[in-house]
Amino acid sequence: MKTMKQKIFLILMLTISVSFGALWQGKGVLAGTLTESSGSCGENCTYTFDSKTGTVTISGTGECSFSSGCYDNIVNVVIENGVTSIGEWAFDGCTGLTSITLPNSVTSIGDCAFFGCKGLTSITLPDSVKSIGESAFSGCTGLTSITLPNGVTSIGRSAFSGCEGLTSITLPDSVTSVGEYAFPSYQNFLIYCSDKLKADATFKENYKDYWVISPSSKVVEENIGQNLKATIDSNTFTITVDGKGGVYSDYRWPYYLQFYIKNVVINADMDILDRLSFVNYKKIETATFDEGSKGIPAQLFYGCSNLKTFIIPKTIKYIDLAAFYNCSSLKELIIPEGVKSIVPTTFSGCTSLEKLTIPESAKQISKDAFEHCDKLTIYCVKGSAAEKFAKTNNIKYVSVKSTNKKTKYNIKNKKTYKKTQTIKISDADKIDTITLNGRPVKVKSGVKSFSFKLSKYKKSLLKKKKFNILVVTDLKGVENTIKFKVK
């Protein structure tokens, strides 16, 4: 059991450590205020300090360093010609520093030279700089741009780590060596470099999670299926898919694309994308798909919170689970005729969705399809399943006129006909399928007219005394039914 003196000692030590921790910065130097108007800052370098402007001016030759203190009142640093090196920990922890002027005589930036200088927003290094040390600008969270001259050959480990304000860097052709973790998180950072550096095995391994763009890879074409090609354009941040057939079972989009892609163009059937969805591609703004597409796969745009524009092709027959889940910027969509159901979570989380047109063909609509769609108004045909759904679930709706053209028959409903007669069918929206008493009638999808003789059908298929039911479904998914008897 601890004595009272031991307890007091522990409390005292804890208080001291917390106090020191609040002041401690960089290399273990207490944060302070520069008060001297002049002094030495290296073996052959001196400085002057203007306390009114917060400007330090350094002159001399060789290496300069302020490693004896992390001064929070230094705002500007002007280094005059003759100085060749910025020493290790030179200005680390100078949180008030906002600008640096370096002469053409400086050839190296030492390790941790500007570590934790949060106030720096931009820096241009002179052409004379050849090397940037480890953690030289690490933790400069305010840094939004840096220009590296053609002449820099090496960048040390963690040189720009923690510089979350930077979104890209251009490495000149002269760079031959880059240490590990030199840049901010790969989730929001592009690296532009030479083809030679990109091909370097060590660099490739260290930065495999980053989107590295070289002159020969600004537009990349990849075979993603036997007859399917993807073009990834880093100039416009666009993915374009062309061709036919399925995707290779082991192909996936490069992971880093989800942080940059803004546009998607699919000149192929969307069914191929069942393994290549765009889950959480939060920068996608527009998507364009081929009119031949038959369905929208599950989770295709799941979490694409910036998707604003998408026109669903008229040939679409189904929309799978969570296809537009959390597309919170989407305001309007038109579901084409032919889609027969709206499944759970399809539009859940589409908080900006104001106008959704649901076709007559949609007979089944899940109440879980529109969770958190508080601004939604459904546009639907009067008397349709969509109108009934809106009424039942207290969702705003607007009734619109049907655009469907009814199937035409040369026989009348609920009449009796001879078995020798021919039934003729026509539909301006083109015939997709025909069934007679629940059994399919052989017909080529897409034709505008069709005729068949009742005499061709077996007695077991045609009913006598009871009504025969003939159902024609057009390409919009609209079903039209006629009942007739046969003598």
Protein backbone atom coordinates (compact mmCIF):
# COMPACT_ATOMS: atom_id res chain seq x y z
CA MET A 1 0.00 0.00 0.00
CA LYS A 2 1.40 3.39 -1.03
CA THR A 3 2.31 5.90 1.66
CA MET A 4 0.93 9.45 1.60
CA LYS A 5 4.35 10.76 0.52
CA GLN A 6 4.40 8.31 -2.41
CA LYS A 7 0.95 9.43 -3.48
CA ILE A 8 1.92 13.11 -3.33
CA PHE A 9 5.08 12.36 -5.33
CA LEU A 10 3.13 10.54 -8.06
CA ILE A 11 0.60 13.36 -8.33
CA LEU A 12 3.42 15.91 -8.55
CA MET A 13 5.21 13.95 -11.29
CA LEU A 14 1.97 13.53 -13.25
CA THR A 15 1.31 17.27 -13.04
CA ILE A 16 4.82 18.08 -14.24
CA SER A 17 4.62 15.60 -17.15
CA VAL A 18 1.24 17.00 -18.29
CA SER A 19 2.60 20.56 -18.11
CA PHE A 20 5.69 19.63 -20.09
CA GLY A 21 3.58 17.66 -22.57
CA ALA A 22 1.51 20.73 -23.30
CA LEU A 23 4.64 22.72 -24.14
CA TRP A 24 6.78 20.01 -25.71
CA GLN A 25 7.16 20.09 -29.50
CA GLY A 26 9.32 18.62 -32.26
CA LYS A 27 12.70 17.33 -31.11
CA GLY A 28 12.03 17.79 -27.45
CA VAL A 29 12.34 21.56 -27.27
CA LEU A 30 10.01 23.71 -25.21
CA ALA A 31 7.77 25.99 -27.25
CA GLY A 32 8.77 29.59 -26.72
CA THR A 33 8.88 33.11 -28.02
CA LEU A 34 11.90 34.53 -29.82
CA THR A 35 12.92 37.71 -28.03
CA GLU A 36 16.48 38.35 -29.23
CA SER A 37 16.69 40.72 -32.19
CA SER A 38 19.80 38.98 -33.52
CA GLY A 39 22.04 36.02 -32.91
CA SER A 40 23.81 32.97 -34.24
CA CYS A 41 21.96 30.15 -36.03
CA GLY A 42 24.73 27.93 -37.26
CA GLU A 43 28.52 27.79 -37.44
CA ASN A 44 28.69 30.49 -40.12
CA CYS A 45 25.14 31.88 -40.07
CA THR A 46 23.51 34.71 -38.17
CA TYR A 47 19.98 36.02 -37.96
CA THR A 48 18.08 39.23 -37.32
CA PHE A 49 14.51 39.28 -36.04
CA ASP A 50 11.88 41.98 -36.59
CA SER A 51 9.37 41.42 -33.81
CA LYS A 52 6.82 43.74 -35.42
CA THR A 53 6.48 41.64 -38.60
CA GLY A 54 7.65 38.36 -37.14
CA THR A 55 10.33 38.13 -39.85
CA VAL A 56 13.60 36.26 -39.40
CA THR A 57 16.34 37.06 -41.91
CA ILE A 58 19.26 34.65 -42.08
CA SER A 59 22.60 35.38 -43.74
CA GLY A 60 25.93 33.58 -43.96
CA THR A 61 27.23 30.39 -45.49
CA GLY A 62 26.81 26.66 -44.97
CA GLU A 63 24.08 25.23 -42.75
CA CYS A 64 21.61 27.27 -40.74
CA SER A 65 19.47 26.03 -37.87
CA PHE A 66 17.14 27.27 -35.16
CA SER A 67 17.16 23.93 -33.38
CA SER A 68 17.53 25.54 -29.98
CA GLY A 69 13.89 26.57 -29.90
CA CYS A 70 10.41 26.14 -31.42
CA TYR A 71 9.36 29.75 -31.68
CA ASP A 72 5.68 30.48 -32.12
CA ASN A 73 6.15 34.16 -33.04
CA ILE A 74 8.18 33.57 -36.22
CA VAL A 75 5.88 34.40 -39.15
CA ASN A 76 8.25 34.81 -42.09
CA VAL A 77 11.65 33.31 -42.83
CA VAL A 78 13.93 34.95 -45.42
CA ILE A 79 17.18 33.11 -46.11
CA GLU A 80 19.78 35.05 -48.07
CA ASN A 81 22.09 33.76 -50.79
CA GLY A 82 25.08 31.87 -49.47
CA VAL A 83 23.27 29.51 -47.14
CA THR A 84 23.48 25.98 -48.60
CA SER A 85 21.55 23.84 -46.17
CA ILE A 86 18.53 24.05 -43.84
CA GLY A 87 19.65 22.02 -40.85
CA GLU A 88 17.83 19.26 -39.01
CA TRP A 89 14.94 20.49 -36.84
CA ALA A 90 15.74 24.05 -37.99
CA PHE A 91 12.24 25.46 -37.65
CA ASP A 92 10.30 22.52 -36.22
CA GLY A 93 7.25 23.51 -34.22
CA CYS A 94 7.19 27.12 -35.48
CA THR A 95 3.42 26.98 -35.71
CA GLY A 96 3.04 30.65 -36.66
CA LEU A 97 5.33 30.40 -39.68
CA THR A 98 3.40 31.21 -42.90
CA SER A 99 6.04 31.91 -45.55
CA ILE A 100 9.58 30.87 -46.46
CA THR A 101 11.91 32.48 -48.99
CA LEU A 102 14.85 30.29 -50.02
CA PRO A 103 17.79 31.37 -52.21
CA ASN A 104 19.27 29.50 -55.16
CA SER A 105 22.23 28.49 -53.03
CA VAL A 106 20.27 26.02 -50.87
CA THR A 107 20.87 22.42 -51.95
CA SER A 108 19.31 20.44 -49.11
CA ILE A 109 16.42 20.55 -46.64
CA GLY A 110 17.39 18.67 -43.48
CA ASP A 111 15.41 16.07 -41.54
CA CYS A 112 12.40 17.56 -39.73
CA ALA A 113 13.46 21.06 -40.84
CA PHE A 114 9.87 22.35 -40.95
CA PHE A 115 8.24 19.61 -38.93
CA GLY A 116 4.86 20.69 -37.53
CA CYS A 117 4.82 24.15 -39.15
CA LYS A 118 1.04 24.14 -39.36
CA GLY A 119 0.76 27.70 -40.63
CA LEU A 120 2.64 27.07 -43.89
CA THR A 121 0.23 27.05 -46.85
CA SER A 122 2.59 26.94 -49.83
CA ILE A 123 6.27 26.68 -50.61
CA THR A 124 8.36 26.88 -53.77
CA LEU A 125 11.78 25.29 -53.57
CA PRO A 126 14.60 26.82 -55.66
CA ASP A 127 16.17 24.97 -58.58
CA SER A 128 19.31 24.37 -56.52
CA VAL A 129 17.62 21.94 -54.06
CA LYS A 130 18.76 18.34 -54.56
CA SER A 131 17.47 16.53 -51.49
CA ILE A 132 14.58 16.74 -49.03
CA GLY A 133 15.19 15.02 -45.71
CA GLU A 134 13.08 12.67 -43.66
CA SER A 135 9.94 14.28 -42.20
CA ALA A 136 11.13 17.63 -43.57
CA PHE A 137 7.58 18.96 -43.89
CA SER A 138 5.77 16.31 -41.88
CA GLY A 139 2.72 17.61 -40.03
CA CYS A 140 2.45 20.82 -42.06
CA THR A 141 -1.31 20.45 -42.08
CA GLY A 142 -1.97 23.84 -43.67
CA LEU A 143 0.22 23.15 -46.70
CA THR A 144 -1.92 23.06 -49.86
CA SER A 145 0.72 23.34 -52.58
CA ILE A 146 4.41 22.69 -53.06
CA THR A 147 6.52 23.07 -56.18
CA LEU A 148 9.52 20.78 -56.53
CA PRO A 149 12.25 21.88 -58.98
CA ASN A 150 13.73 19.68 -61.67
CA GLY A 151 16.93 18.78 -59.91
CA VAL A 152 15.60 17.17 -56.76
CA THR A 153 16.90 13.60 -56.71
CA SER A 154 15.80 12.25 -53.34
CA ILE A 155 12.82 12.66 -51.01
CA GLY A 156 13.19 11.19 -47.55
CA ARG A 157 10.90 8.93 -45.59
CA SER A 158 7.74 10.70 -44.33
CA ALA A 159 8.84 13.97 -45.97
CA PHE A 160 5.25 15.16 -46.48
CA SER A 161 3.37 12.76 -44.24
CA GLY A 162 0.48 14.33 -42.38
CA CYS A 163 0.19 17.19 -44.89
CA GLU A 164 -3.51 16.51 -45.30
CA GLY A 165 -4.06 19.80 -47.16
CA LEU A 166 -2.05 18.47 -50.10
CA THR A 167 -4.07 16.53 -52.67
CA SER A 168 -1.35 15.91 -55.25
CA ILE A 169 2.33 16.26 -55.97
CA THR A 170 4.33 16.38 -59.18
CA LEU A 171 7.71 14.70 -58.90
CA PRO A 172 10.19 16.00 -61.48
CA ASP A 173 11.97 13.58 -63.79
CA SER A 174 15.16 14.05 -61.76
CA VAL A 175 13.71 12.21 -58.73
CA THR A 176 15.21 8.73 -58.43
CA SER A 177 14.56 7.90 -54.78
CA VAL A 178 11.46 8.32 -52.57
CA GLY A 179 11.36 6.96 -49.03
CA GLU A 180 8.42 5.15 -47.46
CA TYR A 181 5.34 7.04 -46.28
CA ALA A 182 6.59 10.24 -47.91
CA PHE A 183 3.09 11.49 -48.72
CA PRO A 184 -0.32 11.95 -47.08
CA SER A 185 -3.02 9.27 -47.11
CA TYR A 186 -3.57 7.54 -50.46
CA GLN A 187 -7.30 8.16 -50.09
CA ASN A 188 -6.99 11.72 -51.30
CA PHE A 189 -3.59 12.07 -52.94
CA LEU A 190 -2.37 11.79 -56.53
CA ILE A 191 1.25 11.26 -57.48
CA TYR A 192 2.48 12.50 -60.87
CA CYS A 193 5.91 11.20 -61.84
CA SER A 194 8.07 9.88 -64.66
CA ASP A 195 7.49 6.50 -66.31
CA LYS A 196 10.91 5.44 -65.04
CA LEU A 197 10.12 6.17 -61.39
CA LYS A 198 6.68 4.56 -61.64
CA ALA A 199 8.31 1.38 -62.96
CA ASP A 200 10.89 1.28 -60.15
CA ALA A 201 10.24 -1.86 -58.09
CA THR A 202 10.78 -0.25 -54.67
CA PHE A 203 8.67 2.79 -55.51
CA LYS A 204 5.95 0.58 -56.96
CA GLU A 205 5.80 -1.52 -53.80
CA ASN A 206 5.83 1.47 -51.43
CA TYR A 207 3.07 3.30 -53.31
CA LYS A 208 0.95 0.46 -54.65
CA ASP A 209 -2.16 1.86 -52.93
CA TYR A 210 -1.80 5.29 -54.55
CA TRP A 211 -2.98 6.43 -57.96
CA VAL A 212 0.39 7.08 -59.60
CA ILE A 213 0.10 8.84 -62.95
CA SER A 214 2.94 9.00 -65.45
CA PRO A 215 2.98 10.39 -69.02
CA SER A 216 2.20 6.98 -70.50
CA SER A 217 -0.57 6.18 -68.01
CA LYS A 218 -2.75 9.28 -68.11
CA VAL A 219 -5.24 7.24 -70.16
CA VAL A 220 -5.09 3.52 -69.47
CA GLU A 221 -6.94 0.78 -71.35
CA GLU A 222 -7.46 -2.56 -69.63
CA ASN A 223 -9.04 -5.80 -70.82
CA ILE A 224 -11.55 -6.61 -68.09
CA GLY A 225 -13.26 -9.41 -70.02
CA GLN A 226 -12.76 -11.49 -73.14
CA ASN A 227 -14.52 -8.91 -75.29
CA LEU A 228 -14.68 -6.10 -72.76
CA LYS A 229 -12.40 -3.09 -72.36
CA ALA A 230 -12.22 -0.40 -69.68
CA THR A 231 -10.63 2.99 -70.29
CA ILE A 232 -9.53 4.93 -67.21
CA ASP A 233 -8.86 8.60 -67.98
CA SER A 234 -7.00 10.52 -65.27
CA ASN A 235 -7.47 13.81 -67.14
CA THR A 236 -11.25 13.78 -66.65
CA PHE A 237 -11.44 11.09 -63.94
CA THR A 238 -13.73 9.01 -66.14
CA ILE A 239 -14.23 5.26 -66.46
CA THR A 240 -15.57 4.08 -69.83
CA VAL A 241 -16.50 0.45 -70.52
CA ASP A 242 -16.98 -0.82 -74.09
CA GLY A 243 -17.77 -4.24 -75.52
CA LYS A 244 -19.84 -7.31 -74.80
CA GLY A 245 -19.79 -10.32 -72.54
CA GLY A 246 -18.88 -10.81 -68.91
CA VAL A 247 -16.10 -9.52 -66.68
CA TYR A 248 -13.16 -11.74 -65.77
CA SER A 249 -13.99 -13.37 -62.43
CA ASP A 250 -10.79 -12.11 -60.79
CA TYR A 251 -10.95 -8.52 -62.07
CA ARG A 252 -11.72 -5.65 -59.72
CA TRP A 253 -11.41 -1.90 -60.11
CA PRO A 254 -8.13 -0.58 -58.64
CA TYR A 255 -8.95 0.37 -55.05
CA TYR A 256 -7.78 4.00 -55.31
CA LEU A 257 -10.26 4.83 -58.08
CA GLN A 258 -13.10 5.20 -55.58
CA PHE A 259 -11.52 8.39 -54.26
CA TYR A 260 -11.27 10.17 -57.62
CA ILE A 261 -13.67 8.94 -60.34
CA LYS A 262 -16.27 11.60 -61.26
CA ASN A 263 -17.86 10.16 -64.41
CA VAL A 264 -18.92 6.69 -65.51
CA VAL A 265 -19.80 5.75 -69.11
CA ILE A 266 -20.89 2.16 -69.80
CA ASN A 267 -21.32 1.29 -73.47
CA ALA A 268 -22.30 -2.28 -72.63
CA ASP A 269 -25.01 -4.15 -70.77
CA MET A 270 -24.99 -3.11 -67.11
CA ASP A 271 -25.49 -6.75 -66.13
CA ILE A 272 -21.74 -7.15 -66.56
CA LEU A 273 -21.16 -4.90 -63.56
CA ASP A 274 -22.52 -7.28 -60.96
CA ARG A 275 -18.95 -7.65 -59.66
CA LEU A 276 -17.77 -4.16 -60.60
CA SER A 277 -20.13 -1.90 -58.71
CA PHE A 278 -19.18 1.61 -57.61
CA VAL A 279 -19.81 1.22 -53.88
CA ASN A 280 -18.85 4.40 -51.99
CA TYR A 281 -17.43 6.18 -55.04
CA LYS A 282 -18.33 9.44 -53.37
CA LYS A 283 -17.03 11.72 -56.15
CA ILE A 284 -19.12 10.27 -59.00
CA GLU A 285 -21.33 13.06 -60.36
CA THR A 286 -22.68 11.64 -63.62
CA ALA A 287 -23.31 8.19 -65.05
CA THR A 288 -24.34 7.24 -68.58
CA PHE A 289 -25.35 3.73 -69.61
CA ASP A 290 -26.08 1.99 -72.89
CA GLU A 291 -29.74 1.75 -73.98
CA GLY A 292 -29.32 -1.99 -74.44
CA SER A 293 -28.86 -2.61 -70.73
CA LYS A 294 -31.44 -4.94 -69.21
CA GLY A 295 -30.89 -4.46 -65.50
CA ILE A 296 -29.21 -2.43 -62.77
CA PRO A 297 -27.20 -4.74 -60.50
CA ALA A 298 -27.40 -4.68 -56.70
CA GLN A 299 -25.46 -1.88 -54.98
CA LEU A 300 -24.32 -0.43 -58.31
CA PHE A 301 -24.23 3.13 -56.92
CA TYR A 302 -24.36 2.30 -53.21
CA GLY A 303 -23.09 5.28 -51.22
CA CYS A 304 -22.40 7.49 -54.27
CA SER A 305 -23.40 10.55 -52.29
CA ASN A 306 -22.39 13.04 -55.02
CA LEU A 307 -24.27 11.38 -57.91
CA LYS A 308 -26.51 14.09 -59.34
CA THR A 309 -27.41 12.91 -62.84
CA PHE A 310 -28.43 9.49 -64.09
CA ILE A 311 -30.84 8.55 -66.85
CA ILE A 312 -32.10 5.00 -66.55
CA PRO A 313 -32.12 3.35 -70.00
CA LYS A 314 -35.58 2.56 -71.36
CA THR A 315 -34.59 -1.07 -71.88
CA ILE A 316 -34.11 -1.73 -68.16
CA LYS A 317 -36.27 -4.57 -66.79
CA TYR A 318 -35.15 -4.67 -63.16
CA ILE A 319 -33.40 -2.63 -60.48
CA ASP A 320 -31.76 -4.77 -57.81
CA LEU A 321 -31.28 -4.28 -54.06
CA ALA A 322 -29.71 -1.02 -52.80
CA ALA A 323 -28.81 0.10 -56.34
CA PHE A 324 -29.09 3.77 -55.33
CA TYR A 325 -28.67 3.42 -51.56
CA ASN A 326 -27.53 6.70 -49.94
CA CYS A 327 -27.28 8.59 -53.24
CA SER A 328 -28.07 11.69 -51.23
CA SER A 329 -27.52 14.23 -54.07
CA LEU A 330 -29.90 12.56 -56.53
CA LYS A 331 -33.00 14.72 -57.05
CA GLU A 332 -34.93 13.12 -59.90
CA LEU A 333 -35.24 9.73 -61.59
CA ILE A 334 -37.55 8.19 -64.17
CA ILE A 335 -38.03 4.45 -63.92
CA PRO A 336 -38.93 3.17 -67.41
CA GLU A 337 -41.88 0.99 -68.33
CA GLY A 338 -40.85 -2.62 -68.09
CA VAL A 339 -39.59 -2.58 -64.52
CA LYS A 340 -42.04 -4.81 -62.65
CA SER A 341 -40.95 -4.31 -59.06
CA ILE A 342 -39.12 -1.93 -56.75
CA VAL A 343 -37.27 -3.96 -54.15
CA PRO A 344 -36.20 -3.08 -50.59
CA THR A 345 -33.48 -0.42 -50.02
CA THR A 346 -33.41 0.58 -53.70
CA PHE A 347 -33.63 4.30 -52.88
CA SER A 348 -33.09 4.26 -49.11
CA GLY A 349 -31.12 7.27 -47.93
CA CYS A 350 -31.78 9.33 -51.08
CA THR A 351 -32.51 12.34 -48.90
CA SER A 352 -32.61 14.83 -51.80
CA LEU A 353 -34.86 12.73 -54.06
CA GLU A 354 -37.83 14.93 -54.91
CA LYS A 355 -39.34 13.43 -58.04
CA LEU A 356 -39.56 9.74 -58.92
CA THR A 357 -41.61 8.50 -61.86
CA ILE A 358 -42.85 4.94 -61.34
CA PRO A 359 -44.32 3.11 -64.37
CA GLU A 360 -47.57 1.17 -64.68
CA SER A 361 -45.54 -2.00 -65.09
CA ALA A 362 -44.31 -1.82 -61.48
CA LYS A 363 -46.84 -4.01 -59.69
CA GLN A 364 -44.81 -4.76 -56.56
CA ILE A 365 -43.29 -1.94 -54.53
CA SER A 366 -41.55 -2.49 -51.20
CA LYS A 367 -42.29 0.00 -48.44
CA ASP A 368 -38.60 -0.33 -47.43
CA ALA A 369 -37.44 1.01 -50.80
CA PHE A 370 -37.78 4.67 -49.75
CA GLU A 371 -36.46 4.93 -46.18
CA HIS A 372 -35.46 8.52 -45.30
CA CYS A 373 -36.76 9.89 -48.62
CA ASP A 374 -38.63 12.66 -46.85
CA LYS A 375 -38.79 15.02 -49.85
CA LEU A 376 -40.16 12.40 -52.24
CA THR A 377 -43.10 12.92 -54.59
CA ILE A 378 -44.10 9.93 -56.71
CA TYR A 379 -45.33 10.56 -60.26
CA CYS A 380 -47.56 7.71 -61.36
CA VAL A 381 -50.53 6.77 -63.56
CA LYS A 382 -53.93 7.08 -61.97
CA GLY A 383 -55.15 3.74 -60.68
CA SER A 384 -51.70 2.16 -60.88
CA ALA A 385 -50.01 0.10 -58.19
CA ALA A 386 -47.67 3.04 -57.58
CA GLU A 387 -50.58 5.35 -56.81
CA LYS A 388 -52.06 2.81 -54.41
CA PHE A 389 -48.65 2.43 -52.76
CA ALA A 390 -48.27 6.19 -52.32
CA LYS A 391 -51.71 6.49 -50.75
CA THR A 392 -51.15 3.57 -48.39
CA ASN A 393 -47.79 4.89 -47.19
CA ASN A 394 -48.73 8.59 -47.02
CA ILE A 395 -46.24 9.60 -49.70
CA LYS A 396 -46.96 12.64 -51.85
CA TYR A 397 -47.94 11.73 -55.39
CA VAL A 398 -48.97 13.33 -58.67
CA SER A 399 -51.22 11.48 -61.13
CA VAL A 400 -50.10 11.55 -64.76
CA LYS A 401 -51.62 10.23 -67.97
CA SER A 402 -50.61 6.82 -69.22
CA THR A 403 -48.24 6.86 -72.19
CA ASN A 404 -48.78 3.20 -72.99
CA LYS A 405 -50.48 2.23 -76.22
CA LYS A 406 -52.78 -0.71 -75.62
CA THR A 407 -52.30 -3.97 -77.45
CA LYS A 408 -54.78 -4.37 -80.29
CA TYR A 409 -56.58 -7.64 -81.05
CA ASN A 410 -58.77 -8.50 -84.03
CA ILE A 411 -61.12 -10.32 -81.67
CA LYS A 412 -63.23 -8.93 -78.86
CA ASN A 413 -63.00 -9.65 -75.16
CA LYS A 414 -65.23 -12.35 -73.68
CA LYS A 415 -66.60 -13.56 -77.01
CA THR A 416 -66.81 -17.03 -78.53
CA TYR A 417 -64.89 -17.93 -81.68
CA LYS A 418 -64.40 -20.84 -83.99
CA LYS A 419 -61.27 -22.90 -83.73
CA THR A 420 -60.51 -22.16 -87.38
CA GLN A 421 -60.10 -18.44 -86.71
CA THR A 422 -56.81 -16.55 -86.59
CA ILE A 423 -55.96 -14.17 -83.80
CA LYS A 424 -54.01 -11.09 -84.87
CA ILE A 425 -52.12 -8.95 -82.37
CA SER A 426 -50.34 -5.62 -82.82
CA ASP A 427 -48.59 -3.30 -80.36
CA ALA A 428 -46.86 0.00 -81.08
CA ASP A 429 -44.61 -0.58 -78.06
CA LYS A 430 -43.46 -3.89 -79.57
CA ILE A 431 -44.34 -7.34 -78.32
CA ASP A 432 -42.06 -9.06 -75.85
CA THR A 433 -43.89 -12.23 -74.76
CA ILE A 434 -47.25 -13.96 -75.29
CA THR A 435 -48.84 -16.62 -73.12
CA LEU A 436 -51.99 -18.65 -73.75
CA ASN A 437 -53.56 -20.10 -70.62
CA GLY A 438 -50.25 -19.63 -68.82
CA ARG A 439 -48.13 -21.38 -71.42
CA PRO A 440 -45.65 -19.43 -73.60
CA VAL A 441 -46.40 -18.87 -77.26
CA LYS A 442 -43.31 -18.84 -79.47
CA VAL A 443 -42.79 -15.24 -80.62
CA LYS A 444 -39.73 -13.16 -81.49
CA SER A 445 -39.29 -10.36 -78.97
CA GLY A 446 -39.44 -6.89 -80.50
CA VAL A 447 -41.96 -7.52 -83.29
CA LYS A 448 -44.86 -5.09 -83.68
CA SER A 449 -47.40 -7.68 -84.81
CA PHE A 450 -48.08 -11.38 -84.54
CA SER A 451 -50.79 -13.77 -85.68
CA PHE A 452 -51.57 -17.45 -85.13
CA LYS A 453 -54.33 -19.89 -85.97
CA LEU A 454 -56.21 -21.47 -83.11
CA SER A 455 -56.33 -24.69 -85.10
CA LYS A 456 -52.58 -25.14 -84.52
CA TYR A 457 -53.05 -25.56 -80.79
CA LYS A 458 -53.89 -28.85 -79.15
CA LYS A 459 -57.20 -29.46 -77.53
CA SER A 460 -55.46 -29.86 -74.18
CA LEU A 461 -54.21 -26.26 -74.41
CA LEU A 462 -57.45 -24.65 -75.54
CA LYS A 463 -60.38 -24.73 -73.19
CA LYS A 464 -63.96 -25.24 -74.22
CA LYS A 465 -66.86 -23.74 -72.34
CA LYS A 466 -64.37 -21.88 -70.19
CA PHE A 467 -62.50 -18.70 -71.02
CA ASN A 468 -59.09 -18.95 -72.60
CA ILE A 469 -56.69 -16.26 -71.33
CA LEU A 470 -54.31 -14.61 -73.79
CA VAL A 471 -51.70 -12.28 -72.25
CA VAL A 472 -49.44 -10.04 -74.32
CA THR A 473 -46.53 -8.22 -72.63
CA ASP A 474 -44.84 -5.41 -74.55
CA LEU A 475 -41.25 -4.27 -74.26
CA LYS A 476 -42.26 -1.69 -71.67
CA GLY A 477 -43.46 -4.50 -69.45
CA VAL A 478 -47.13 -3.62 -69.80
CA GLU A 479 -49.44 -6.61 -69.85
CA ASN A 480 -52.70 -6.69 -71.81
CA THR A 481 -55.15 -9.53 -71.38
CA ILE A 482 -58.09 -10.76 -73.44
CA LYS A 483 -60.46 -13.63 -72.62
CA PHE A 484 -62.27 -15.72 -75.25
CA LYS A 485 -64.08 -19.01 -75.70
CA VAL A 486 -63.69 -21.56 -78.48
CA LYS A 487 -66.59 -23.49 -80.02
